[in-house]
Every structure is written in C-alpha cells, then in structure tokens.
Amino acid sequence: MYNHLWGSDKMDSIELLIEKHNTRNPFKIAENLHIIVIYEKLGTIHGYYNTAYRQKFIHINESLAEHEQYFTAAHELGHALLHPKANTPFLRKNTLFSINKLEKEANNFAINLLISDEDILSSNCTTTEQLSSFFGYHENLMVLKIEKMSNKT
C-alpha cells in the first residue's frame, strides 16, 4: 500500500506519512490504512504485527500503560509499513536470520513518528538522559532520534 514511499532512506518517508494523515498518532494512521488494532493479554510481550488473508493486524498487550501502548503501536506500524511480509516470530525461531535490524528499524520509525525534531529542540534538554526522562522513552530510543536529526544537517 505505502511501499512506494519507502525509498533508500525509509525514515525520510515518515514525514510524508505524517503529512498525508495529518497526525503523528499511530492509532489514527493505522485506522486510516485499514490496519486492525487488537488489544489482548500477551503476557510479557508488548505487541506484534501479523497479516492474515491480506489483512494487517497490530496486536497490543492490554496490560501496558497507555504511553507504552502508544509506542508499541508506532513500533508495530513500522513493521507493517517497512517489513509487511516479515514474520519475525518465525524468523526468530526457525532461521539464523538476525531480526535485530528489523527491530532497530521499527524502533527508529516509532521514535521518529512520535517525536518531531521541533519537540526535541523545544524541550531544552541537553542530554539523552534528560530527553529520556522528559519524553518517557528509553534512552537508546532518544539516541536514535538524535542520530536522525544529526544526519539531516
């Protein structure tokens, strides 16, 4: 559906996605793209993405805090758009293929969808630790965001 947007730098296409849907909200974008979001008990798993009969689904652990559900939705939306045919549970269990690259891309997608460059600049935070505390996301995610901003200059 949106595969034509993802050029050599997939992350640049996030801005096109935000502009097209006029939101950074992963739930609204998923709804606009007819991706079904399901809340369910998943134990220690935060969420996952799958397709069945050409229908895309994002599964989110209903026991997560709202803030965590939001990030999980953005992360899984990243999988839906960047890796629509990847079956990471299968890859993890049955192959030697490293899914770390796919997970890093989905994390990168999520943090860049959820937080704008302007949000970072207006936060007045000077360290990734401060940014992590301010926005409520893991420091490693803030490093990804800062790297993306640095690559733009």
N, C-alpha and C. Protein backbone atom coordinates (compact mmCIF):
# COMPACT_ATOMS: atom_id res chain seq x y z
N MET A 1 0.81 -1.19 0.00
CA MET A 1 0.00 0.00 0.00
C MET A 1 0.86 1.26 0.00
N TYR A 2 1.79 1.36 0.94
CA TYR A 2 2.66 2.52 1.03
C TYR A 2 4.10 2.17 0.68
N ASN A 3 4.33 0.99 0.14
CA ASN A 3 5.69 0.56 -0.14
C ASN A 3 6.41 1.51 -1.08
N HIS A 4 5.66 2.19 -1.97
CA HIS A 4 6.29 3.12 -2.90
C HIS A 4 6.89 4.33 -2.19
N LEU A 5 6.47 4.59 -0.96
CA LEU A 5 7.02 5.73 -0.22
C LEU A 5 8.42 5.45 0.31
N TRP A 6 8.72 4.20 0.55
CA TRP A 6 9.94 3.86 1.27
C TRP A 6 11.10 3.74 0.29
N GLY A 7 11.80 4.84 0.12
CA GLY A 7 12.96 4.88 -0.77
C GLY A 7 14.20 4.38 -0.06
N SER A 8 15.34 4.87 -0.50
CA SER A 8 16.60 4.42 0.09
C SER A 8 16.70 4.82 1.55
N ASP A 9 16.15 5.98 1.91
CA ASP A 9 16.11 6.36 3.32
C ASP A 9 14.66 6.28 3.78
N LYS A 10 14.31 5.13 4.32
CA LYS A 10 12.93 4.87 4.72
C LYS A 10 12.43 5.89 5.73
N MET A 11 13.31 6.40 6.57
CA MET A 11 12.88 7.30 7.62
C MET A 11 12.44 8.66 7.07
N ASP A 12 12.95 9.08 5.92
CA ASP A 12 12.51 10.34 5.34
C ASP A 12 11.03 10.27 4.98
N SER A 13 10.55 9.10 4.69
CA SER A 13 9.16 8.92 4.30
C SER A 13 8.20 9.05 5.47
N ILE A 14 8.69 9.06 6.68
CA ILE A 14 7.84 9.27 7.84
C ILE A 14 7.17 10.63 7.74
N GLU A 15 7.92 11.63 7.33
CA GLU A 15 7.34 12.97 7.21
C GLU A 15 6.22 12.99 6.18
N LEU A 16 6.36 12.24 5.10
CA LEU A 16 5.29 12.15 4.09
C LEU A 16 4.05 11.48 4.69
N LEU A 17 4.27 10.46 5.48
CA LEU A 17 3.18 9.74 6.14
C LEU A 17 2.44 10.66 7.10
N ILE A 18 3.18 11.41 7.89
CA ILE A 18 2.58 12.36 8.85
C ILE A 18 1.78 13.43 8.10
N GLU A 19 2.37 13.93 7.04
CA GLU A 19 1.70 14.96 6.25
C GLU A 19 0.42 14.42 5.61
N LYS A 20 0.49 13.24 5.05
CA LYS A 20 -0.67 12.65 4.38
C LYS A 20 -1.82 12.41 5.36
N HIS A 21 -1.51 11.96 6.56
CA HIS A 21 -2.54 11.62 7.54
C HIS A 21 -2.80 12.74 8.54
N ASN A 22 -2.00 13.80 8.45
CA ASN A 22 -2.15 14.98 9.30
C ASN A 22 -2.13 14.62 10.80
N THR A 23 -1.27 13.67 11.15
CA THR A 23 -1.15 13.25 12.54
C THR A 23 0.13 12.45 12.74
N ARG A 24 0.58 12.43 13.99
CA ARG A 24 1.67 11.56 14.40
C ARG A 24 1.12 10.38 15.21
N ASN A 25 -0.17 10.35 15.38
CA ASN A 25 -0.82 9.32 16.19
C ASN A 25 -0.82 7.99 15.43
N PRO A 26 -0.11 6.97 15.96
CA PRO A 26 -0.02 5.70 15.24
C PRO A 26 -1.37 4.98 15.14
N PHE A 27 -2.25 5.19 16.11
CA PHE A 27 -3.57 4.55 16.06
C PHE A 27 -4.42 5.13 14.94
N LYS A 28 -4.36 6.45 14.76
CA LYS A 28 -5.13 7.10 13.69
C LYS A 28 -4.57 6.71 12.32
N ILE A 29 -3.24 6.65 12.22
CA ILE A 29 -2.63 6.25 10.95
C ILE A 29 -3.01 4.82 10.62
N ALA A 30 -2.93 3.93 11.60
CA ALA A 30 -3.31 2.53 11.39
C ALA A 30 -4.76 2.44 10.93
N GLU A 31 -5.63 3.19 11.58
CA GLU A 31 -7.05 3.19 11.19
C GLU A 31 -7.21 3.67 9.75
N ASN A 32 -6.52 4.75 9.40
CA ASN A 32 -6.60 5.28 8.03
C ASN A 32 -6.11 4.26 7.00
N LEU A 33 -5.16 3.43 7.41
CA LEU A 33 -4.59 2.43 6.50
C LEU A 33 -5.33 1.10 6.58
N HIS A 34 -6.41 1.07 7.33
CA HIS A 34 -7.23 -0.15 7.50
C HIS A 34 -6.45 -1.28 8.14
N ILE A 35 -5.54 -0.91 9.04
CA ILE A 35 -4.82 -1.91 9.84
C ILE A 35 -5.61 -2.06 11.14
N ILE A 36 -5.99 -3.27 11.45
CA ILE A 36 -6.81 -3.53 12.64
C ILE A 36 -5.91 -3.63 13.86
N VAL A 37 -6.26 -2.88 14.91
CA VAL A 37 -5.52 -2.92 16.17
C VAL A 37 -6.34 -3.74 17.17
N ILE A 38 -5.69 -4.74 17.75
CA ILE A 38 -6.35 -5.63 18.70
C ILE A 38 -5.62 -5.54 20.04
N TYR A 39 -6.38 -5.35 21.11
CA TYR A 39 -5.83 -5.33 22.47
C TYR A 39 -6.12 -6.69 23.08
N GLU A 40 -5.09 -7.31 23.65
CA GLU A 40 -5.27 -8.63 24.23
C GLU A 40 -4.21 -8.90 25.28
N LYS A 41 -4.42 -9.95 26.06
CA LYS A 41 -3.45 -10.36 27.05
C LYS A 41 -2.30 -11.06 26.33
N LEU A 42 -1.11 -10.52 26.47
CA LEU A 42 0.06 -11.08 25.78
C LEU A 42 1.19 -11.44 26.74
N GLY A 43 0.92 -11.47 28.02
CA GLY A 43 1.96 -11.80 28.98
C GLY A 43 3.06 -10.75 28.98
N THR A 44 4.27 -11.19 28.71
CA THR A 44 5.41 -10.27 28.73
C THR A 44 5.67 -9.61 27.37
N ILE A 45 4.93 -10.01 26.35
CA ILE A 45 5.11 -9.44 25.01
C ILE A 45 4.35 -8.12 24.94
N HIS A 46 5.01 -7.09 24.45
CA HIS A 46 4.37 -5.78 24.32
C HIS A 46 3.40 -5.75 23.15
N GLY A 47 3.77 -6.39 22.06
CA GLY A 47 2.91 -6.41 20.89
C GLY A 47 3.56 -7.12 19.74
N TYR A 48 2.80 -7.30 18.68
CA TYR A 48 3.35 -7.87 17.46
C TYR A 48 2.46 -7.51 16.29
N TYR A 49 3.01 -7.69 15.10
CA TYR A 49 2.32 -7.38 13.85
C TYR A 49 2.19 -8.67 13.06
N ASN A 50 1.04 -8.87 12.41
CA ASN A 50 0.91 -10.00 11.50
C ASN A 50 -0.11 -9.69 10.41
N THR A 51 -0.15 -10.53 9.41
CA THR A 51 -1.16 -10.43 8.37
C THR A 51 -1.87 -11.78 8.27
N ALA A 52 -3.13 -11.72 7.92
CA ALA A 52 -3.91 -12.93 7.65
C ALA A 52 -4.88 -12.58 6.53
N TYR A 53 -4.81 -13.36 5.47
CA TYR A 53 -5.68 -13.13 4.31
C TYR A 53 -5.59 -11.69 3.82
N ARG A 54 -4.38 -11.20 3.73
CA ARG A 54 -4.04 -9.85 3.24
C ARG A 54 -4.53 -8.72 4.14
N GLN A 55 -5.02 -9.05 5.31
CA GLN A 55 -5.43 -8.05 6.29
C GLN A 55 -4.29 -7.88 7.30
N LYS A 56 -3.91 -6.63 7.57
CA LYS A 56 -2.85 -6.36 8.52
C LYS A 56 -3.45 -6.16 9.91
N PHE A 57 -2.73 -6.69 10.93
CA PHE A 57 -3.15 -6.58 12.32
C PHE A 57 -1.98 -6.13 13.18
N ILE A 58 -2.28 -5.26 14.12
CA ILE A 58 -1.34 -4.89 15.18
C ILE A 58 -1.96 -5.37 16.48
N HIS A 59 -1.23 -6.20 17.21
CA HIS A 59 -1.67 -6.73 18.49
C HIS A 59 -0.92 -5.99 19.59
N ILE A 60 -1.67 -5.50 20.58
CA ILE A 60 -1.05 -4.74 21.66
C ILE A 60 -1.47 -5.35 23.00
N ASN A 61 -0.50 -5.48 23.88
CA ASN A 61 -0.76 -6.01 25.21
C ASN A 61 -1.64 -5.04 25.97
N GLU A 62 -2.83 -5.50 26.36
CA GLU A 62 -3.78 -4.63 27.04
C GLU A 62 -3.34 -4.21 28.43
N SER A 63 -2.35 -4.90 28.99
CA SER A 63 -1.90 -4.55 30.35
C SER A 63 -0.82 -3.46 30.36
N LEU A 64 -0.37 -3.03 29.20
CA LEU A 64 0.62 -1.95 29.13
C LEU A 64 -0.02 -0.62 29.51
N ALA A 65 0.79 0.26 30.07
CA ALA A 65 0.34 1.62 30.32
C ALA A 65 0.05 2.28 28.97
N GLU A 66 -0.81 3.28 28.97
CA GLU A 66 -1.22 3.95 27.73
C GLU A 66 -0.01 4.45 26.93
N HIS A 67 0.97 5.02 27.62
CA HIS A 67 2.17 5.53 26.97
C HIS A 67 2.93 4.39 26.26
N GLU A 68 3.01 3.24 26.91
CA GLU A 68 3.68 2.08 26.31
C GLU A 68 2.89 1.53 25.13
N GLN A 69 1.56 1.55 25.23
CA GLN A 69 0.72 1.10 24.12
C GLN A 69 0.93 1.99 22.90
N TYR A 70 1.07 3.27 23.13
CA TYR A 70 1.28 4.23 22.07
C TYR A 70 2.59 3.92 21.32
N PHE A 71 3.67 3.71 22.10
CA PHE A 71 4.94 3.39 21.46
C PHE A 71 4.87 2.05 20.74
N THR A 72 4.24 1.06 21.38
CA THR A 72 4.12 -0.27 20.77
C THR A 72 3.35 -0.17 19.46
N ALA A 73 2.28 0.61 19.44
CA ALA A 73 1.51 0.79 18.20
C ALA A 73 2.39 1.41 17.11
N ALA A 74 3.19 2.40 17.46
CA ALA A 74 4.08 3.04 16.49
C ALA A 74 5.14 2.05 15.99
N HIS A 75 5.69 1.26 16.90
CA HIS A 75 6.70 0.27 16.54
C HIS A 75 6.11 -0.76 15.57
N GLU A 76 4.94 -1.28 15.91
CA GLU A 76 4.31 -2.30 15.06
C GLU A 76 3.83 -1.72 13.74
N LEU A 77 3.42 -0.45 13.75
CA LEU A 77 3.09 0.22 12.50
C LEU A 77 4.32 0.29 11.61
N GLY A 78 5.47 0.52 12.24
CA GLY A 78 6.74 0.50 11.50
C GLY A 78 6.95 -0.84 10.81
N HIS A 79 6.70 -1.93 11.53
CA HIS A 79 6.81 -3.25 10.89
C HIS A 79 5.81 -3.39 9.74
N ALA A 80 4.58 -2.93 9.95
CA ALA A 80 3.55 -3.06 8.92
C ALA A 80 3.93 -2.34 7.63
N LEU A 81 4.61 -1.20 7.77
CA LEU A 81 4.96 -0.40 6.60
C LEU A 81 6.34 -0.72 6.04
N LEU A 82 7.28 -1.00 6.92
CA LEU A 82 8.66 -1.24 6.48
C LEU A 82 8.93 -2.72 6.16
N HIS A 83 8.27 -3.60 6.89
CA HIS A 83 8.52 -5.05 6.75
C HIS A 83 7.19 -5.81 6.64
N PRO A 84 6.35 -5.46 5.67
CA PRO A 84 5.00 -6.00 5.65
C PRO A 84 4.92 -7.52 5.51
N LYS A 85 5.95 -8.14 4.97
CA LYS A 85 5.89 -9.59 4.78
C LYS A 85 6.80 -10.36 5.73
N ALA A 86 7.47 -9.66 6.61
CA ALA A 86 8.38 -10.32 7.54
C ALA A 86 7.58 -10.96 8.67
N ASN A 87 7.92 -12.19 8.99
CA ASN A 87 7.30 -12.91 10.09
C ASN A 87 8.38 -13.08 11.15
N THR A 88 8.55 -12.08 12.01
CA THR A 88 9.67 -12.12 12.95
C THR A 88 9.61 -13.28 13.93
N PRO A 89 8.42 -13.69 14.44
CA PRO A 89 8.44 -14.89 15.31
C PRO A 89 8.97 -16.12 14.57
N PHE A 90 8.57 -16.28 13.29
CA PHE A 90 9.07 -17.40 12.51
C PHE A 90 10.57 -17.27 12.28
N LEU A 91 11.02 -16.07 11.89
CA LEU A 91 12.44 -15.86 11.65
C LEU A 91 13.27 -16.14 12.89
N ARG A 92 12.76 -15.67 14.04
CA ARG A 92 13.48 -15.85 15.30
C ARG A 92 13.60 -17.33 15.66
N LYS A 93 12.55 -18.09 15.41
CA LYS A 93 12.51 -19.49 15.84
C LYS A 93 13.16 -20.44 14.84
N ASN A 94 13.02 -20.17 13.54
CA ASN A 94 13.36 -21.16 12.54
C ASN A 94 14.52 -20.83 11.62
N THR A 95 15.14 -19.69 11.76
CA THR A 95 16.23 -19.34 10.86
C THR A 95 17.38 -18.74 11.64
N LEU A 96 18.47 -18.54 10.94
CA LEU A 96 19.61 -17.86 11.54
C LEU A 96 19.59 -16.37 11.21
N PHE A 97 18.53 -15.92 10.54
CA PHE A 97 18.40 -14.51 10.16
C PHE A 97 18.29 -13.66 11.41
N SER A 98 19.09 -12.61 11.46
CA SER A 98 19.04 -11.71 12.61
C SER A 98 17.89 -10.73 12.44
N ILE A 99 17.00 -10.70 13.42
CA ILE A 99 15.88 -9.76 13.35
C ILE A 99 16.24 -8.43 14.00
N ASN A 100 17.46 -8.32 14.53
CA ASN A 100 17.87 -7.08 15.19
C ASN A 100 17.73 -5.88 14.27
N LYS A 101 18.08 -6.04 13.00
CA LYS A 101 17.98 -4.94 12.04
C LYS A 101 16.52 -4.51 11.88
N LEU A 102 15.62 -5.48 11.77
CA LEU A 102 14.20 -5.17 11.62
C LEU A 102 13.66 -4.45 12.86
N GLU A 103 14.08 -4.91 14.03
CA GLU A 103 13.62 -4.28 15.28
C GLU A 103 14.17 -2.87 15.43
N LYS A 104 15.43 -2.67 15.05
CA LYS A 104 16.01 -1.33 15.13
C LYS A 104 15.30 -0.38 14.16
N GLU A 105 14.99 -0.87 12.96
CA GLU A 105 14.27 -0.04 12.00
C GLU A 105 12.88 0.32 12.53
N ALA A 106 12.19 -0.64 13.15
CA ALA A 106 10.86 -0.36 13.70
C ALA A 106 10.95 0.61 14.87
N ASN A 107 11.96 0.48 15.71
CA ASN A 107 12.17 1.43 16.81
C ASN A 107 12.45 2.83 16.27
N ASN A 108 13.31 2.88 15.26
CA ASN A 108 13.67 4.16 14.63
C ASN A 108 12.42 4.81 14.03
N PHE A 109 11.63 4.01 13.34
CA PHE A 109 10.38 4.51 12.76
C PHE A 109 9.49 5.08 13.87
N ALA A 110 9.32 4.31 14.94
CA ALA A 110 8.41 4.70 16.03
C ALA A 110 8.83 6.00 16.68
N ILE A 111 10.08 6.12 17.05
CA ILE A 111 10.51 7.32 17.78
C ILE A 111 10.46 8.55 16.88
N ASN A 112 10.74 8.37 15.59
CA ASN A 112 10.68 9.50 14.67
C ASN A 112 9.25 9.85 14.28
N LEU A 113 8.34 8.90 14.37
CA LEU A 113 6.92 9.19 14.16
C LEU A 113 6.37 9.96 15.35
N LEU A 114 6.70 9.51 16.55
CA LEU A 114 6.10 10.06 17.76
C LEU A 114 6.66 11.41 18.18
N ILE A 115 7.93 11.65 17.92
CA ILE A 115 8.57 12.88 18.40
C ILE A 115 9.16 13.64 17.21
N SER A 116 8.76 14.88 17.07
CA SER A 116 9.30 15.70 15.98
C SER A 116 10.63 16.31 16.39
N ASP A 117 11.37 16.76 15.41
CA ASP A 117 12.62 17.48 15.69
C ASP A 117 12.33 18.72 16.54
N GLU A 118 11.23 19.38 16.23
CA GLU A 118 10.85 20.59 16.97
C GLU A 118 10.59 20.26 18.44
N ASP A 119 9.98 19.10 18.70
CA ASP A 119 9.75 18.67 20.09
C ASP A 119 11.07 18.56 20.84
N ILE A 120 12.06 17.99 20.19
CA ILE A 120 13.38 17.83 20.81
C ILE A 120 13.99 19.20 21.09
N LEU A 121 13.99 20.05 20.07
CA LEU A 121 14.63 21.36 20.20
C LEU A 121 13.94 22.23 21.25
N SER A 122 12.64 22.15 21.36
CA SER A 122 11.92 22.99 22.31
C SER A 122 11.93 22.42 23.73
N SER A 123 12.44 21.21 23.89
CA SER A 123 12.45 20.58 25.22
C SER A 123 13.51 21.20 26.14
N ASN A 124 14.50 21.86 25.57
CA ASN A 124 15.61 22.44 26.33
C ASN A 124 16.43 21.38 27.07
N CYS A 125 16.31 20.13 26.68
CA CYS A 125 17.13 19.06 27.26
C CYS A 125 18.48 19.06 26.55
N THR A 126 19.53 18.77 27.30
CA THR A 126 20.87 18.79 26.71
C THR A 126 21.52 17.41 26.66
N THR A 127 20.91 16.40 27.26
CA THR A 127 21.49 15.05 27.22
C THR A 127 20.39 14.06 26.83
N THR A 128 20.82 12.91 26.34
CA THR A 128 19.83 11.87 26.01
C THR A 128 19.14 11.36 27.27
N GLU A 129 19.83 11.41 28.38
CA GLU A 129 19.21 11.01 29.65
C GLU A 129 18.06 11.96 30.00
N GLN A 130 18.29 13.26 29.83
CA GLN A 130 17.23 14.24 30.08
C GLN A 130 16.06 14.06 29.10
N LEU A 131 16.40 13.82 27.83
CA LEU A 131 15.36 13.59 26.83
C LEU A 131 14.53 12.36 27.19
N SER A 132 15.19 11.32 27.62
CA SER A 132 14.52 10.08 28.02
C SER A 132 13.54 10.35 29.14
N SER A 133 13.97 11.08 30.13
CA SER A 133 13.12 11.41 31.27
C SER A 133 11.97 12.32 30.84
N PHE A 134 12.25 13.30 30.00
CA PHE A 134 11.26 14.27 29.56
C PHE A 134 10.15 13.62 28.73
N PHE A 135 10.55 12.78 27.75
CA PHE A 135 9.58 12.18 26.84
C PHE A 135 9.05 10.83 27.32
N GLY A 136 9.77 10.20 28.24
CA GLY A 136 9.31 8.93 28.79
C GLY A 136 9.65 7.71 27.96
N TYR A 137 10.64 7.85 27.08
CA TYR A 137 11.09 6.72 26.27
C TYR A 137 12.51 6.36 26.65
N HIS A 138 12.88 5.11 26.40
CA HIS A 138 14.21 4.61 26.74
C HIS A 138 15.29 5.50 26.11
N GLU A 139 16.38 5.64 26.81
CA GLU A 139 17.48 6.49 26.33
C GLU A 139 18.01 6.04 24.97
N ASN A 140 18.04 4.73 24.72
CA ASN A 140 18.51 4.23 23.42
C ASN A 140 17.64 4.75 22.28
N LEU A 141 16.33 4.91 22.54
CA LEU A 141 15.44 5.46 21.52
C LEU A 141 15.74 6.93 21.26
N MET A 142 16.09 7.63 22.31
CA MET A 142 16.42 9.04 22.14
C MET A 142 17.73 9.19 21.35
N VAL A 143 18.65 8.26 21.52
CA VAL A 143 19.88 8.25 20.73
C VAL A 143 19.54 8.09 19.25
N LEU A 144 18.60 7.18 18.93
CA LEU A 144 18.18 7.01 17.54
C LEU A 144 17.61 8.31 16.97
N LYS A 145 16.80 8.99 17.77
CA LYS A 145 16.19 10.25 17.32
C LYS A 145 17.26 11.31 17.06
N ILE A 146 18.19 11.45 17.98
CA ILE A 146 19.26 12.45 17.83
C ILE A 146 20.13 12.11 16.61
N GLU A 147 20.40 10.83 16.40
CA GLU A 147 21.19 10.42 15.21
C GLU A 147 20.47 10.83 13.94
N LYS A 148 19.16 10.63 13.89
CA LYS A 148 18.39 11.00 12.72
C LYS A 148 18.44 12.51 12.49
N MET A 149 18.32 13.27 13.57
CA MET A 149 18.39 14.73 13.45
C MET A 149 19.78 15.16 12.98
N SER A 150 20.82 14.52 13.47
CA SER A 150 22.19 14.87 13.09
C SER A 150 22.45 14.59 11.63
N ASN A 151 21.82 13.53 11.10
CA ASN A 151 22.02 13.17 9.70
C ASN A 151 21.34 14.14 8.73
N LYS A 152 20.41 14.94 9.24
CA LYS A 152 19.72 15.91 8.39
C LYS A 152 20.56 17.15 8.12
N THR A 153 21.55 17.41 8.99
CA THR A 153 22.34 18.63 8.82
C THR A 153 23.54 18.43 7.94
